[in-house]
Protein backbone atom coordinates (compact mmCIF):
# COMPACT_ATOMS: atom_id res chain seq x y z
CA MET A 1 63.91 -171.22 -18.43
CA GLU A 2 63.54 -168.63 -15.90
CA GLU A 3 64.40 -165.70 -18.88
CA ARG A 4 61.44 -167.32 -20.66
CA GLU A 5 58.99 -166.62 -17.62
CA ARG A 6 59.85 -163.68 -16.63
CA ARG A 7 58.85 -162.47 -21.12
CA GLY A 8 55.88 -164.59 -20.26
CA ASP A 9 55.02 -162.07 -17.12
CA LEU A 10 55.86 -159.36 -18.50
CA THR A 11 53.85 -160.12 -21.98
CA ALA A 12 51.14 -160.95 -19.76
CA LEU A 13 51.24 -157.71 -17.67
CA VAL A 14 51.64 -155.47 -20.93
CA LEU A 15 48.95 -156.89 -22.35
CA ILE A 16 46.60 -156.37 -19.19
CA PHE A 17 48.03 -152.68 -18.60
CA LEU A 18 46.83 -152.20 -22.83
CA THR A 19 43.14 -154.21 -22.32
CA VAL A 20 42.49 -151.86 -19.25
CA TRP A 21 43.81 -148.85 -21.01
CA VAL A 22 41.63 -149.66 -24.13
CA ALA A 23 38.21 -150.25 -22.23
CA LEU A 24 38.72 -146.97 -19.93
CA LEU A 25 39.77 -144.91 -23.20
CA THR A 26 36.37 -146.22 -25.07
CA PHE A 27 34.19 -145.50 -21.60
CA LEU A 28 35.40 -141.94 -21.79
CA LEU A 29 35.03 -141.47 -25.47
CA SER A 30 31.49 -143.00 -25.01
CA ARG A 31 30.13 -141.14 -22.60
CA ASN A 32 27.37 -138.32 -24.02
CA PRO A 33 28.55 -135.12 -23.12
CA LEU A 34 25.86 -133.23 -20.82
CA ARG A 35 23.05 -131.52 -22.76
CA VAL A 36 20.53 -129.24 -21.63
CA ARG A 37 18.01 -126.94 -23.01
CA ILE A 38 14.27 -124.95 -22.89
CA ILE A 39 12.09 -125.71 -24.68
CA SER A 40 9.54 -122.88 -23.33
CA PRO A 41 8.75 -120.47 -22.91
CA GLU A 42 10.24 -120.00 -26.86
CA ASP A 43 12.62 -117.48 -27.64
CA ARG A 44 11.26 -113.44 -28.41
CA ALA A 45 7.61 -114.83 -25.92
CA GLU A 46 6.00 -111.73 -24.67
CA VAL A 47 5.53 -112.92 -20.67
CA GLY A 48 4.39 -111.50 -17.36
CA TYR A 49 6.82 -111.54 -14.24
CA ARG A 50 6.08 -115.42 -13.35
CA VAL A 51 7.49 -116.96 -16.26
CA LEU A 52 7.25 -121.37 -16.21
CA VAL A 53 11.06 -122.91 -17.73
CA ASP A 54 10.69 -126.48 -19.24
CA GLY A 55 13.22 -128.41 -20.51
CA THR A 56 15.14 -131.25 -21.45
CA LEU A 57 18.50 -133.12 -19.72
CA ASN A 58 19.66 -135.95 -20.79
CA ASP A 59 21.41 -137.25 -17.10
CA PRO A 60 19.14 -136.50 -14.45
CA SER A 61 22.05 -136.88 -12.32
CA ALA A 62 23.15 -133.65 -12.83
CA ARG A 63 22.48 -129.89 -11.30
CA LEU A 64 20.40 -127.26 -12.65
CA TYR A 65 21.04 -123.68 -11.96
CA LEU A 66 18.48 -121.61 -13.85
CA ILE A 67 19.60 -117.95 -15.08
CA VAL A 68 17.94 -114.46 -15.89
CA LYS A 69 19.98 -111.50 -17.28
CA PRO A 70 18.40 -108.65 -17.51
CA LYS A 71 19.00 -106.69 -20.98
CA ARG A 72 20.24 -103.92 -18.84
CA GLY A 73 22.88 -103.90 -16.16
CA SER A 74 25.56 -106.77 -15.80
CA SER A 75 24.44 -108.33 -13.22
CA TRP A 76 22.91 -112.15 -13.48
CA TRP A 77 19.91 -113.16 -10.99
CA VAL A 78 19.91 -117.33 -9.67
CA GLN A 79 16.75 -118.73 -9.77
CA GLU A 80 14.91 -121.36 -6.97
CA PRO A 81 16.90 -124.25 -7.50
CA ILE A 82 15.26 -126.96 -10.08
CA ARG A 83 14.91 -130.33 -9.50
CA SER A 84 16.61 -132.74 -11.90
CA TYR A 85 15.16 -135.20 -13.85
CA LYS A 86 15.33 -135.57 -17.68
CA ARG A 87 12.23 -133.04 -18.02
CA TRP A 88 11.70 -130.52 -15.61
CA ARG A 89 10.50 -127.40 -15.26
CA GLY A 90 11.83 -124.06 -13.02
CA VAL A 91 10.14 -120.60 -12.16
CA ALA A 92 12.05 -117.29 -13.92
CA TYR A 93 11.42 -114.19 -11.99
CA LEU A 94 11.29 -111.06 -14.12
CA GLY A 95 12.13 -108.08 -12.30
CA GLY A 96 10.46 -106.86 -9.82
CA GLU A 97 6.15 -107.42 -9.18
CA ASP A 98 6.35 -103.41 -9.97
CA TRP A 99 9.15 -103.01 -12.43
CA GLY A 100 10.34 -104.38 -15.41
CA ILE A 101 7.82 -104.31 -17.86
CA GLY A 102 8.22 -103.61 -20.96
CA GLU A 103 12.20 -105.04 -20.17
CA GLU A 104 14.04 -107.84 -22.45
CA PHE A 105 15.84 -110.62 -20.45
CA THR A 106 17.44 -113.93 -21.46
CA LEU A 107 16.51 -116.89 -19.94
CA PHE A 108 19.20 -119.95 -19.99
CA VAL A 109 20.39 -122.54 -17.90
CA LEU A 110 23.85 -124.03 -16.19
CA ALA A 111 24.34 -127.57 -15.75
CA SER A 112 26.98 -129.51 -13.31
CA HIS A 113 28.09 -133.03 -12.01
CA ARG A 114 29.46 -131.06 -9.56
CA PRO A 115 28.02 -127.75 -7.07
CA LEU A 116 28.73 -124.71 -8.72
CA ASN A 117 27.51 -122.93 -4.88
CA LEU A 118 24.90 -121.10 -6.09
CA LEU A 119 22.23 -119.69 -4.78
CA PRO A 120 19.02 -117.72 -5.58
CA GLY A 121 19.54 -114.34 -6.08
CA GLU A 122 22.34 -111.79 -8.11
CA ILE A 123 26.15 -112.96 -9.25
CA ASP A 124 28.19 -110.37 -11.24
CA GLU A 125 29.99 -113.64 -12.74
CA LEU A 126 28.76 -116.52 -13.64
CA PRO A 127 30.94 -120.24 -12.94
CA LYS A 128 31.77 -122.48 -14.96
CA ALA A 129 29.13 -125.41 -16.00
CA GLU A 130 29.86 -128.48 -17.75
CA ALA A 131 27.22 -127.52 -19.88
CA VAL A 132 24.99 -124.68 -20.45
CA SER A 133 21.06 -124.94 -22.14
CA ASN A 134 19.95 -122.22 -25.21
CA LYS A 135 19.44 -118.79 -24.86
CA VAL A 136 15.97 -117.71 -23.99
CA ARG A 137 15.35 -113.83 -25.17
CA VAL A 138 11.87 -112.58 -23.57
CA ARG A 139 10.08 -109.27 -23.14
CA ARG A 140 8.07 -109.10 -19.38
CA VAL A 141 4.82 -107.25 -20.95
CA ARG A 142 2.90 -107.72 -17.67
């Protein structure tokens, strides 16, 4: 009788373990990956020094970092923080008030649930983020 009880206990433990494992695997596979998108300005737009950048995010608990990359040069410029909502808006500054006219810039957003420790200003390399938005190329005309 004791051997049969042990087998029953072991079978119950194995079934519990498998149930928990399947539930965890189902949860992890069903999670939507983080997605962020810039919807405005449009690609190839002609813009001014200060640009309003609008977009969407599927998980407002993520942190967003708006990045500007001048076509010339190897640095990226982190812009002021963006508040995360399903629809978000940020401000990008292209060049300086008196320089950057006629230049091309690329705008994109990094999204991550963990802090990327990016402060506004120039950076030499990008950290790894969970998601990167579409890249929008703009030309500053004023």
